[in-house]
Amino acid sequence: DLYARRAELERIIDSMGRVIVAFSAGIDSTLVLKVAVDRLGDNALAVTAVSASLAEAEREEACALARQIGARHLLLETHELDDPAYAANPTNRCYFCKTELYTELIELAQREGYPFILNGANADDVGDYRPGEQAAREFGVRAPLREAGFTKAHVRALARELGLPNWDKPAMACLSSRLPYGTPVTRAALSQVERAENYLR
């Protein structure tokens, strides 16, 4: 039942008091941010990681969505490409990216007094191959959608009800995901992918 899950999601977020939301502008993290802002106001901070692997259009969409929701929003520069383990593009590349992100977010949270960092993982992500989730576990990042039993269908249904414009947005992985595993991730390759996709769109 969507209403019971929504009440549980609100209860979980209420109990945290002050949170940072790792905000990618995907529908999952957008819903987490929306509920966090509705419940906690200025005690919710959206943080979007900006690097060569984030398409410019995605960065702009994150800024526009955060404005629409009324969230405080911070763009945080991350440097996963400088990590040779990430740049080599192994099958667990996402682990190294999220490790970089959560390291930065934990420093920010400790400095600014945020006891919790939230991501947008939902119940459907369990059992998928998601090396980034290993990093989330290691850093103690909370996944309120998953904790409240939200599947992707629940996420879309509640997002639609709350009037979020991206409720039916397809999943968007980062630019690095377009390169086959083992193909080195370079700024030049990511720029080429971004230009090609912009042309196709």
N, C-alpha and C. Protein backbone atom coordinates (compact mmCIF):
# COMPACT_ATOMS: atom_id res chain seq x y z
N ASP A 1 0.85 -1.20 0.00
CA ASP A 1 0.00 0.00 0.00
C ASP A 1 0.88 1.25 0.00
N LEU A 2 0.70 2.08 -0.99
CA LEU A 2 1.56 3.24 -1.19
C LEU A 2 1.49 4.21 0.00
N TYR A 3 0.29 4.37 0.57
CA TYR A 3 0.14 5.35 1.65
C TYR A 3 0.88 4.90 2.91
N ALA A 4 0.82 3.59 3.18
CA ALA A 4 1.54 3.06 4.34
C ALA A 4 3.06 3.22 4.13
N ARG A 5 3.52 2.96 2.91
CA ARG A 5 4.95 3.10 2.63
C ARG A 5 5.39 4.57 2.74
N ARG A 6 4.52 5.45 2.22
CA ARG A 6 4.85 6.88 2.31
C ARG A 6 4.95 7.32 3.77
N ALA A 7 4.01 6.88 4.59
CA ALA A 7 4.04 7.24 6.02
C ALA A 7 5.31 6.71 6.68
N GLU A 8 5.72 5.52 6.31
CA GLU A 8 6.94 4.93 6.86
C GLU A 8 8.17 5.71 6.40
N LEU A 9 8.19 6.09 5.13
CA LEU A 9 9.29 6.90 4.59
C LEU A 9 9.39 8.23 5.35
N GLU A 10 8.26 8.87 5.57
CA GLU A 10 8.24 10.15 6.29
C GLU A 10 8.71 9.95 7.73
N ARG A 11 8.29 8.85 8.34
CA ARG A 11 8.70 8.57 9.74
C ARG A 11 10.22 8.40 9.82
N ILE A 12 10.78 7.64 8.85
CA ILE A 12 12.23 7.40 8.84
C ILE A 12 12.98 8.72 8.70
N ILE A 13 12.53 9.55 7.76
CA ILE A 13 13.23 10.82 7.52
C ILE A 13 13.03 11.79 8.69
N ASP A 14 11.83 11.83 9.25
CA ASP A 14 11.59 12.66 10.44
C ASP A 14 12.56 12.31 11.57
N SER A 15 12.80 11.01 11.74
CA SER A 15 13.62 10.55 12.87
C SER A 15 15.08 10.96 12.73
N MET A 16 15.50 11.34 11.52
CA MET A 16 16.91 11.70 11.30
C MET A 16 17.21 13.16 11.62
N GLY A 17 16.22 14.02 11.44
CA GLY A 17 16.38 15.42 11.84
C GLY A 17 17.15 16.31 10.90
N ARG A 18 18.28 15.83 10.40
CA ARG A 18 19.15 16.67 9.57
C ARG A 18 19.93 15.75 8.63
N VAL A 19 19.79 15.96 7.33
CA VAL A 19 20.32 14.98 6.37
C VAL A 19 20.97 15.65 5.16
N ILE A 20 21.92 14.94 4.59
CA ILE A 20 22.44 15.25 3.25
C ILE A 20 21.88 14.19 2.31
N VAL A 21 21.32 14.63 1.18
CA VAL A 21 20.83 13.69 0.16
C VAL A 21 21.81 13.71 -1.01
N ALA A 22 22.39 12.54 -1.31
CA ALA A 22 23.24 12.39 -2.50
C ALA A 22 22.30 12.45 -3.70
N PHE A 23 22.32 13.58 -4.41
CA PHE A 23 21.26 13.91 -5.36
C PHE A 23 21.80 13.89 -6.78
N SER A 24 21.34 12.89 -7.55
CA SER A 24 21.82 12.71 -8.93
C SER A 24 20.87 13.27 -9.97
N ALA A 25 19.66 13.66 -9.53
CA ALA A 25 18.56 14.10 -10.42
C ALA A 25 17.85 12.91 -11.06
N GLY A 26 18.22 11.69 -10.69
CA GLY A 26 17.39 10.53 -11.06
C GLY A 26 16.12 10.56 -10.23
N ILE A 27 15.14 9.77 -10.61
CA ILE A 27 13.85 9.83 -9.93
C ILE A 27 13.95 9.38 -8.47
N ASP A 28 14.79 8.41 -8.17
CA ASP A 28 14.88 7.89 -6.80
C ASP A 28 15.40 8.96 -5.84
N SER A 29 16.54 9.56 -6.18
CA SER A 29 17.09 10.57 -5.26
C SER A 29 16.25 11.84 -5.27
N THR A 30 15.53 12.10 -6.37
CA THR A 30 14.63 13.27 -6.40
C THR A 30 13.49 13.08 -5.40
N LEU A 31 12.93 11.87 -5.35
CA LEU A 31 11.85 11.60 -4.40
C LEU A 31 12.36 11.71 -2.96
N VAL A 32 13.53 11.15 -2.69
CA VAL A 32 14.10 11.25 -1.34
C VAL A 32 14.27 12.72 -0.96
N LEU A 33 14.79 13.51 -1.89
CA LEU A 33 15.02 14.93 -1.62
C LEU A 33 13.69 15.65 -1.37
N LYS A 34 12.71 15.39 -2.21
CA LYS A 34 11.40 16.04 -2.07
C LYS A 34 10.81 15.77 -0.69
N VAL A 35 10.80 14.51 -0.28
CA VAL A 35 10.22 14.16 1.03
C VAL A 35 11.06 14.77 2.15
N ALA A 36 12.39 14.74 2.00
CA ALA A 36 13.27 15.30 3.04
C ALA A 36 13.04 16.80 3.20
N VAL A 37 12.89 17.52 2.08
CA VAL A 37 12.65 18.96 2.15
C VAL A 37 11.26 19.24 2.75
N ASP A 38 10.26 18.45 2.33
CA ASP A 38 8.91 18.62 2.87
C ASP A 38 8.89 18.40 4.38
N ARG A 39 9.66 17.45 4.86
CA ARG A 39 9.63 17.09 6.29
C ARG A 39 10.61 17.92 7.12
N LEU A 40 11.79 18.22 6.57
CA LEU A 40 12.88 18.80 7.37
C LEU A 40 13.24 20.22 6.97
N GLY A 41 12.69 20.70 5.85
CA GLY A 41 12.99 22.06 5.40
C GLY A 41 14.48 22.26 5.15
N ASP A 42 15.03 23.32 5.74
CA ASP A 42 16.44 23.66 5.50
C ASP A 42 17.41 22.69 6.17
N ASN A 43 16.91 21.74 6.94
CA ASN A 43 17.78 20.71 7.52
C ASN A 43 18.05 19.58 6.53
N ALA A 44 17.55 19.72 5.31
CA ALA A 44 17.89 18.78 4.23
C ALA A 44 18.75 19.52 3.22
N LEU A 45 19.87 18.95 2.87
CA LEU A 45 20.79 19.55 1.90
C LEU A 45 21.00 18.57 0.74
N ALA A 46 20.75 19.04 -0.48
CA ALA A 46 21.02 18.22 -1.67
C ALA A 46 22.46 18.45 -2.09
N VAL A 47 23.18 17.38 -2.37
CA VAL A 47 24.55 17.50 -2.87
C VAL A 47 24.69 16.67 -4.14
N THR A 48 25.10 17.33 -5.22
CA THR A 48 25.30 16.66 -6.51
C THR A 48 26.78 16.63 -6.82
N ALA A 49 27.30 15.44 -7.09
CA ALA A 49 28.70 15.28 -7.45
C ALA A 49 28.90 15.70 -8.90
N VAL A 50 29.88 16.56 -9.13
CA VAL A 50 30.15 17.06 -10.48
C VAL A 50 31.56 16.61 -10.87
N SER A 51 31.63 15.92 -12.00
CA SER A 51 32.94 15.50 -12.52
C SER A 51 32.78 15.29 -14.03
N ALA A 52 33.85 14.85 -14.67
CA ALA A 52 33.81 14.63 -16.13
C ALA A 52 32.82 13.53 -16.51
N SER A 53 32.44 12.68 -15.56
CA SER A 53 31.52 11.58 -15.89
C SER A 53 30.04 11.99 -15.79
N LEU A 54 29.78 13.25 -15.36
CA LEU A 54 28.41 13.75 -15.30
C LEU A 54 28.14 14.62 -16.52
N ALA A 55 27.13 14.26 -17.31
CA ALA A 55 26.78 15.06 -18.48
C ALA A 55 26.30 16.44 -18.03
N GLU A 56 26.65 17.45 -18.80
CA GLU A 56 26.26 18.82 -18.49
C GLU A 56 24.74 18.95 -18.36
N ALA A 57 24.00 18.25 -19.23
CA ALA A 57 22.53 18.31 -19.18
C ALA A 57 22.01 17.76 -17.86
N GLU A 58 22.68 16.73 -17.32
CA GLU A 58 22.26 16.16 -16.04
C GLU A 58 22.53 17.13 -14.89
N ARG A 59 23.67 17.82 -14.97
CA ARG A 59 24.00 18.82 -13.95
C ARG A 59 22.94 19.93 -13.95
N GLU A 60 22.60 20.40 -15.15
CA GLU A 60 21.59 21.46 -15.26
C GLU A 60 20.23 20.99 -14.73
N GLU A 61 19.89 19.74 -15.03
CA GLU A 61 18.61 19.22 -14.56
C GLU A 61 18.60 19.12 -13.04
N ALA A 62 19.73 18.70 -12.45
CA ALA A 62 19.81 18.62 -10.98
C ALA A 62 19.57 19.99 -10.36
N CYS A 63 20.19 21.03 -10.92
CA CYS A 63 20.03 22.39 -10.39
C CYS A 63 18.57 22.85 -10.51
N ALA A 64 17.96 22.56 -11.67
CA ALA A 64 16.58 22.98 -11.90
C ALA A 64 15.62 22.25 -10.95
N LEU A 65 15.82 20.95 -10.77
CA LEU A 65 14.94 20.17 -9.90
C LEU A 65 15.07 20.62 -8.45
N ALA A 66 16.31 20.84 -8.00
CA ALA A 66 16.52 21.28 -6.62
C ALA A 66 15.82 22.62 -6.38
N ARG A 67 15.93 23.52 -7.38
CA ARG A 67 15.24 24.82 -7.27
C ARG A 67 13.73 24.63 -7.17
N GLN A 68 13.20 23.76 -8.02
CA GLN A 68 11.75 23.54 -8.04
C GLN A 68 11.26 22.98 -6.70
N ILE A 69 12.06 22.07 -6.13
CA ILE A 69 11.69 21.46 -4.84
C ILE A 69 11.88 22.45 -3.69
N GLY A 70 12.72 23.46 -3.93
CA GLY A 70 13.01 24.42 -2.87
C GLY A 70 14.11 23.96 -1.94
N ALA A 71 14.99 23.12 -2.46
CA ALA A 71 16.06 22.55 -1.64
C ALA A 71 17.31 23.41 -1.66
N ARG A 72 18.00 23.47 -0.55
CA ARG A 72 19.37 23.97 -0.56
C ARG A 72 20.20 22.96 -1.34
N HIS A 73 21.05 23.45 -2.24
CA HIS A 73 21.73 22.55 -3.19
C HIS A 73 23.19 22.94 -3.32
N LEU A 74 24.04 21.96 -3.22
CA LEU A 74 25.48 22.17 -3.32
C LEU A 74 26.03 21.29 -4.44
N LEU A 75 26.85 21.89 -5.31
CA LEU A 75 27.57 21.11 -6.32
C LEU A 75 28.95 20.81 -5.75
N LEU A 76 29.29 19.53 -5.72
CA LEU A 76 30.53 19.08 -5.09
C LEU A 76 31.42 18.46 -6.15
N GLU A 77 32.60 19.02 -6.35
CA GLU A 77 33.49 18.46 -7.36
C GLU A 77 34.14 17.18 -6.83
N THR A 78 34.03 16.11 -7.61
CA THR A 78 34.68 14.85 -7.22
C THR A 78 35.74 14.51 -8.27
N HIS A 79 36.69 13.67 -7.87
CA HIS A 79 37.88 13.45 -8.70
C HIS A 79 38.14 11.95 -8.91
N GLU A 80 37.06 11.20 -9.19
CA GLU A 80 37.24 9.75 -9.37
C GLU A 80 38.17 9.42 -10.53
N LEU A 81 38.21 10.28 -11.56
CA LEU A 81 39.08 9.99 -12.70
C LEU A 81 40.56 10.00 -12.33
N ASP A 82 40.90 10.66 -11.23
CA ASP A 82 42.29 10.69 -10.78
C ASP A 82 42.69 9.40 -10.06
N ASP A 83 41.70 8.54 -9.78
CA ASP A 83 41.98 7.27 -9.10
C ASP A 83 42.26 6.21 -10.18
N PRO A 84 43.49 5.69 -10.22
CA PRO A 84 43.83 4.69 -11.25
C PRO A 84 42.90 3.48 -11.24
N ALA A 85 42.40 3.12 -10.05
CA ALA A 85 41.49 1.96 -9.95
C ALA A 85 40.19 2.24 -10.70
N TYR A 86 39.72 3.47 -10.66
CA TYR A 86 38.50 3.86 -11.40
C TYR A 86 38.81 3.98 -12.89
N ALA A 87 39.88 4.68 -13.20
CA ALA A 87 40.22 4.98 -14.60
C ALA A 87 40.45 3.71 -15.43
N ALA A 88 40.89 2.63 -14.76
CA ALA A 88 41.13 1.37 -15.47
C ALA A 88 39.81 0.72 -15.91
N ASN A 89 38.69 1.21 -15.36
CA ASN A 89 37.35 0.75 -15.74
C ASN A 89 37.14 -0.75 -15.49
N PRO A 90 37.37 -1.19 -14.23
CA PRO A 90 37.08 -2.60 -13.91
C PRO A 90 35.58 -2.81 -13.76
N THR A 91 35.16 -4.05 -13.58
CA THR A 91 33.71 -4.34 -13.47
C THR A 91 33.12 -3.69 -12.22
N ASN A 92 33.94 -3.40 -11.20
CA ASN A 92 33.42 -2.74 -10.00
C ASN A 92 33.80 -1.25 -9.98
N ARG A 93 33.87 -0.66 -11.15
CA ARG A 93 34.21 0.77 -11.28
C ARG A 93 33.35 1.65 -10.36
N CYS A 94 32.04 1.35 -10.30
CA CYS A 94 31.13 2.18 -9.50
C CYS A 94 31.53 2.21 -8.02
N TYR A 95 32.14 1.13 -7.55
CA TYR A 95 32.59 1.11 -6.15
C TYR A 95 33.58 2.24 -5.89
N PHE A 96 34.51 2.44 -6.82
CA PHE A 96 35.54 3.45 -6.62
C PHE A 96 34.96 4.86 -6.73
N CYS A 97 33.99 5.03 -7.62
CA CYS A 97 33.32 6.32 -7.76
C CYS A 97 32.56 6.66 -6.48
N LYS A 98 31.77 5.73 -5.98
CA LYS A 98 30.98 5.99 -4.77
C LYS A 98 31.88 6.16 -3.54
N THR A 99 33.00 5.44 -3.52
CA THR A 99 33.93 5.61 -2.40
C THR A 99 34.45 7.05 -2.38
N GLU A 100 34.79 7.58 -3.54
CA GLU A 100 35.22 8.98 -3.65
C GLU A 100 34.09 9.91 -3.20
N LEU A 101 32.88 9.67 -3.69
CA LEU A 101 31.74 10.52 -3.35
C LEU A 101 31.46 10.50 -1.85
N TYR A 102 31.35 9.30 -1.27
CA TYR A 102 30.96 9.21 0.14
C TYR A 102 32.07 9.71 1.06
N THR A 103 33.32 9.57 0.65
CA THR A 103 34.43 10.15 1.43
C THR A 103 34.25 11.66 1.53
N GLU A 104 33.95 12.28 0.38
CA GLU A 104 33.73 13.73 0.35
C GLU A 104 32.48 14.12 1.17
N LEU A 105 31.41 13.34 1.01
CA LEU A 105 30.16 13.66 1.71
C LEU A 105 30.31 13.52 3.22
N ILE A 106 31.06 12.51 3.66
CA ILE A 106 31.23 12.32 5.11
C ILE A 106 32.03 13.48 5.70
N GLU A 107 33.04 13.94 4.97
CA GLU A 107 33.80 15.10 5.45
C GLU A 107 32.88 16.32 5.58
N LEU A 108 32.06 16.53 4.54
CA LEU A 108 31.11 17.64 4.56
C LEU A 108 30.12 17.50 5.71
N ALA A 109 29.58 16.30 5.89
CA ALA A 109 28.58 16.05 6.93
C ALA A 109 29.16 16.32 8.32
N GLN A 110 30.39 15.87 8.53
CA GLN A 110 31.01 16.07 9.84
C GLN A 110 31.30 17.55 10.08
N ARG A 111 31.76 18.22 9.03
CA ARG A 111 32.10 19.64 9.14
C ARG A 111 30.86 20.49 9.42
N GLU A 112 29.75 20.13 8.75
CA GLU A 112 28.54 20.97 8.81
C GLU A 112 27.47 20.44 9.78
N GLY A 113 27.76 19.32 10.42
CA GLY A 113 26.84 18.81 11.43
C GLY A 113 25.60 18.10 10.88
N TYR A 114 25.80 17.25 9.88
CA TYR A 114 24.71 16.42 9.36
C TYR A 114 24.96 14.97 9.81
N PRO A 115 24.09 14.41 10.66
CA PRO A 115 24.35 13.06 11.15
C PRO A 115 24.09 11.96 10.12
N PHE A 116 23.31 12.26 9.05
CA PHE A 116 22.95 11.20 8.11
C PHE A 116 23.18 11.62 6.66
N ILE A 117 23.62 10.64 5.86
CA ILE A 117 23.73 10.79 4.41
C ILE A 117 22.77 9.77 3.80
N LEU A 118 21.94 10.24 2.85
CA LEU A 118 20.93 9.37 2.24
C LEU A 118 21.19 9.21 0.75
N ASN A 119 20.89 8.01 0.25
CA ASN A 119 20.90 7.82 -1.21
C ASN A 119 19.52 7.34 -1.67
N GLY A 120 19.38 7.09 -2.97
CA GLY A 120 18.08 6.76 -3.53
C GLY A 120 17.87 5.29 -3.82
N ALA A 121 18.68 4.42 -3.23
CA ALA A 121 18.51 2.98 -3.51
C ALA A 121 17.12 2.52 -3.07
N ASN A 122 16.48 1.69 -3.90
CA ASN A 122 15.14 1.18 -3.55
C ASN A 122 15.17 -0.35 -3.46
N ALA A 123 14.01 -0.92 -3.12
CA ALA A 123 13.95 -2.36 -2.86
C ALA A 123 14.27 -3.19 -4.10
N ASP A 124 14.04 -2.66 -5.30
CA ASP A 124 14.34 -3.40 -6.52
C ASP A 124 15.84 -3.51 -6.77
N ASP A 125 16.63 -2.66 -6.12
CA ASP A 125 18.08 -2.70 -6.34
C ASP A 125 18.73 -3.87 -5.63
N VAL A 126 18.03 -4.46 -4.65
CA VAL A 126 18.58 -5.60 -3.91
C VAL A 126 18.71 -6.77 -4.87
N GLY A 127 19.89 -7.39 -4.88
CA GLY A 127 20.07 -8.55 -5.76
C GLY A 127 20.64 -8.20 -7.12
N ASP A 128 20.52 -6.94 -7.55
CA ASP A 128 21.21 -6.50 -8.77
C ASP A 128 22.71 -6.42 -8.48
N TYR A 129 23.52 -6.44 -9.54
CA TYR A 129 24.95 -6.24 -9.35
C TYR A 129 25.19 -4.74 -9.22
N ARG A 130 25.43 -4.27 -8.00
CA ARG A 130 25.60 -2.84 -7.76
C ARG A 130 26.79 -2.62 -6.83
N PRO A 131 27.99 -2.54 -7.42
CA PRO A 131 29.17 -2.36 -6.57
C PRO A 131 29.14 -1.05 -5.78
N GLY A 132 28.40 -0.05 -6.29
CA GLY A 132 28.28 1.20 -5.54
C GLY A 132 27.60 1.02 -4.20
N GLU A 133 26.71 0.02 -4.12
CA GLU A 133 26.00 -0.23 -2.86
C GLU A 133 26.94 -0.76 -1.77
N GLN A 134 27.98 -1.46 -2.20
CA GLN A 134 28.99 -1.94 -1.22
C GLN A 134 29.63 -0.73 -0.53
N ALA A 135 29.94 0.29 -1.32
CA ALA A 135 30.52 1.51 -0.75
C ALA A 135 29.54 2.17 0.20
N ALA A 136 28.25 2.22 -0.18
CA ALA A 136 27.24 2.83 0.69
C ALA A 136 27.20 2.11 2.04
N ARG A 137 27.25 0.78 2.02
CA ARG A 137 27.25 0.01 3.27
C ARG A 137 28.48 0.35 4.10
N GLU A 138 29.64 0.39 3.46
CA GLU A 138 30.89 0.64 4.18
C GLU A 138 30.89 2.02 4.85
N PHE A 139 30.23 2.98 4.23
CA PHE A 139 30.22 4.35 4.76
C PHE A 139 28.98 4.65 5.61
N GLY A 140 28.11 3.66 5.79
CA GLY A 140 26.93 3.86 6.64
C GLY A 140 25.89 4.78 6.03
N VAL A 141 25.85 4.83 4.68
CA VAL A 141 24.87 5.66 4.00
C VAL A 141 23.50 4.98 4.08
N ARG A 142 22.47 5.75 4.40
CA ARG A 142 21.13 5.19 4.56
C ARG A 142 20.35 5.24 3.24
N ALA A 143 19.46 4.27 3.06
CA ALA A 143 18.61 4.19 1.87
C ALA A 143 17.16 4.17 2.32
N PRO A 144 16.56 5.36 2.61
CA PRO A 144 15.21 5.36 3.20
C PRO A 144 14.14 4.73 2.32
N LEU A 145 14.29 4.82 0.98
CA LEU A 145 13.30 4.17 0.10
C LEU A 145 13.30 2.66 0.32
N ARG A 146 14.50 2.10 0.36
CA ARG A 146 14.61 0.66 0.56
C ARG A 146 14.10 0.28 1.96
N GLU A 147 14.46 1.10 2.95
CA GLU A 147 14.02 0.81 4.33
C GLU A 147 12.49 0.84 4.44
N ALA A 148 11.85 1.70 3.65
CA ALA A 148 10.38 1.81 3.70
C ALA A 148 9.70 0.85 2.72
N GLY A 149 10.48 0.01 2.03
CA GLY A 149 9.90 -1.01 1.15
C GLY A 149 9.45 -0.51 -0.21
N PHE A 150 10.02 0.61 -0.68
CA PHE A 150 9.64 1.16 -1.99
C PHE A 150 10.31 0.39 -3.12
N THR A 151 9.51 -0.12 -4.06
CA THR A 151 10.04 -0.62 -5.32
C THR A 151 10.09 0.55 -6.31
N LYS A 152 10.64 0.31 -7.50
CA LYS A 152 10.67 1.37 -8.51
C LYS A 152 9.25 1.82 -8.87
N ALA A 153 8.33 0.89 -8.93
CA ALA A 153 6.94 1.24 -9.26
C ALA A 153 6.35 2.15 -8.18
N HIS A 154 6.63 1.86 -6.91
CA HIS A 154 6.16 2.73 -5.82
C HIS A 154 6.78 4.12 -5.94
N VAL A 155 8.08 4.16 -6.26
CA VAL A 155 8.78 5.44 -6.40
C VAL A 155 8.10 6.29 -7.47
N ARG A 156 7.86 5.70 -8.62
CA ARG A 156 7.25 6.45 -9.72
C ARG A 156 5.84 6.91 -9.36
N ALA A 157 5.08 6.03 -8.70
CA ALA A 157 3.70 6.38 -8.33
C ALA A 157 3.66 7.56 -7.37
N LEU A 158 4.52 7.53 -6.33
CA LEU A 158 4.50 8.62 -5.36
C LEU A 158 5.07 9.90 -5.98
N ALA A 159 6.09 9.77 -6.80
CA ALA A 159 6.68 10.94 -7.46
C ALA A 159 5.65 11.62 -8.35
N ARG A 160 4.87 10.82 -9.03
CA ARG A 160 3.81 11.38 -9.90
C ARG A 160 2.77 12.11 -9.05
N GLU A 161 2.38 11.47 -7.95
CA GLU A 161 1.39 12.07 -7.06
C GLU A 161 1.89 13.40 -6.48
N LEU A 162 3.20 13.48 -6.21
CA LEU A 162 3.77 14.69 -5.62
C LEU A 162 4.11 15.75 -6.68
N GLY A 163 3.83 15.42 -7.95
CA GLY A 163 4.03 16.40 -9.02
C GLY A 163 5.48 16.58 -9.45
N LEU A 164 6.31 15.57 -9.22
CA LEU A 164 7.71 15.69 -9.66
C LEU A 164 7.78 15.50 -11.18
N PRO A 165 8.43 16.42 -11.89
CA PRO A 165 8.36 16.39 -13.36
C PRO A 165 9.10 15.21 -13.98
N ASN A 166 10.01 14.59 -13.22
CA ASN A 166 10.80 13.49 -13.77
C ASN A 166 10.29 12.13 -13.30
N TRP A 167 9.01 12.03 -12.90
CA TRP A 167 8.50 10.78 -12.33
C TRP A 167 8.64 9.60 -13.29
N ASP A 168 8.63 9.87 -14.62
CA ASP A 168 8.76 8.76 -15.57
C ASP A 168 10.10 8.78 -16.31
N LYS A 169 11.06 9.49 -15.75
CA LYS A 169 12.38 9.58 -16.39
C LYS A 169 13.06 8.20 -16.40
N PRO A 170 13.61 7.79 -17.56
CA PRO A 170 14.33 6.50 -17.57
C PRO A 170 15.60 6.60 -16.72
N ALA A 171 16.08 5.44 -16.27
CA ALA A 171 17.32 5.42 -15.49
C ALA A 171 18.46 5.97 -16.34
N MET A 172 19.29 6.80 -15.74
CA MET A 172 20.43 7.40 -16.46
C MET A 172 21.71 7.10 -15.70
N ALA A 173 22.50 6.20 -16.22
CA ALA A 173 23.80 5.95 -15.60
C ALA A 173 24.79 7.02 -16.08
N CYS A 174 25.94 7.10 -15.42
CA CYS A 174 26.92 8.14 -15.76
C CYS A 174 27.55 7.85 -17.13
N LEU A 175 28.25 8.83 -17.65
CA LEU A 175 28.86 8.69 -18.99
C LEU A 175 29.85 7.52 -19.05
N SER A 176 30.54 7.25 -17.93
CA SER A 176 31.53 6.16 -17.94
C SER A 176 30.89 4.81 -18.25
N SER A 177 29.58 4.68 -17.95
CA SER A 177 28.90 3.40 -18.17
C SER A 177 28.80 3.03 -19.65
N ARG A 178 29.04 4.00 -20.54
CA ARG A 178 28.96 3.71 -21.98
C ARG A 178 30.23 3.01 -22.49
N LEU A 179 31.31 3.05 -21.69
CA LEU A 179 32.58 2.45 -22.12
C LEU A 179 32.64 1.01 -21.65
N PRO A 180 32.99 0.07 -22.54
CA PRO A 180 33.08 -1.34 -22.11
C PRO A 180 34.09 -1.49 -20.97
N TYR A 181 33.80 -2.40 -20.03
CA TYR A 181 34.75 -2.67 -18.95
C TYR A 181 36.13 -2.94 -19.55
N GLY A 182 37.15 -2.37 -18.91
CA GLY A 182 38.52 -2.58 -19.38
C GLY A 182 38.99 -1.50 -20.34
N THR A 183 38.06 -0.73 -20.92
CA THR A 183 38.44 0.42 -21.74
C THR A 183 38.71 1.59 -20.79
N PRO A 184 39.92 2.15 -20.81
CA PRO A 184 40.24 3.20 -19.83
C PRO A 184 39.27 4.37 -19.91
N VAL A 185 38.91 4.89 -18.74
CA VAL A 185 38.05 6.07 -18.66
C VAL A 185 38.94 7.31 -18.70
N THR A 186 38.79 8.10 -19.75
CA THR A 186 39.54 9.35 -19.86
C THR A 186 38.57 10.50 -20.08
N ARG A 187 39.03 11.70 -19.80
CA ARG A 187 38.19 12.88 -20.02
C ARG A 187 37.82 13.00 -21.50
N ALA A 188 38.78 12.69 -22.37
CA ALA A 188 38.53 12.79 -23.82
C ALA A 188 37.43 11.81 -24.25
N ALA A 189 37.49 10.58 -23.73
CA ALA A 189 36.48 9.58 -24.10
C ALA A 189 35.10 10.00 -23.60
N LEU A 190 35.03 10.52 -22.38
CA LEU A 190 33.74 10.94 -21.81
C LEU A 190 33.17 12.12 -22.59
N SER A 191 34.02 13.03 -22.98
CA SER A 191 33.58 14.19 -23.76
C SER A 191 33.02 13.74 -25.11
N GLN A 192 33.68 12.75 -25.70
CA GLN A 192 33.23 12.21 -27.00
C GLN A 192 31.85 11.57 -26.86
N VAL A 193 31.67 10.78 -25.79
CA VAL A 193 30.37 10.15 -25.54
C VAL A 193 29.29 11.21 -25.35
N GLU A 194 29.59 12.22 -24.57
CA GLU A 194 28.59 13.27 -24.29
C GLU A 194 28.19 13.99 -25.58
N ARG A 195 29.17 14.33 -26.41
CA ARG A 195 28.87 15.03 -27.66
C ARG A 195 28.02 14.16 -28.58
N ALA A 196 28.36 12.88 -28.65
CA ALA A 196 27.61 11.95 -29.51
C ALA A 196 26.16 11.82 -29.04
N GLU A 197 25.97 11.70 -27.72
CA GLU A 197 24.61 11.52 -27.21
C GLU A 197 23.79 12.81 -27.38
N ASN A 198 24.43 13.95 -27.20
CA ASN A 198 23.73 15.22 -27.45
C ASN A 198 23.28 15.32 -28.91
N TYR A 199 24.15 14.88 -29.82
CA TYR A 199 23.81 14.90 -31.25
C TYR A 199 22.62 13.97 -31.52
N LEU A 200 22.66 12.77 -30.94
CA LEU A 200 21.57 11.80 -31.16
C LEU A 200 20.26 12.31 -30.60
N ARG A 201 20.32 12.96 -29.44
CA ARG A 201 19.10 13.51 -28.85
C ARG A 201 18.54 14.62 -29.73
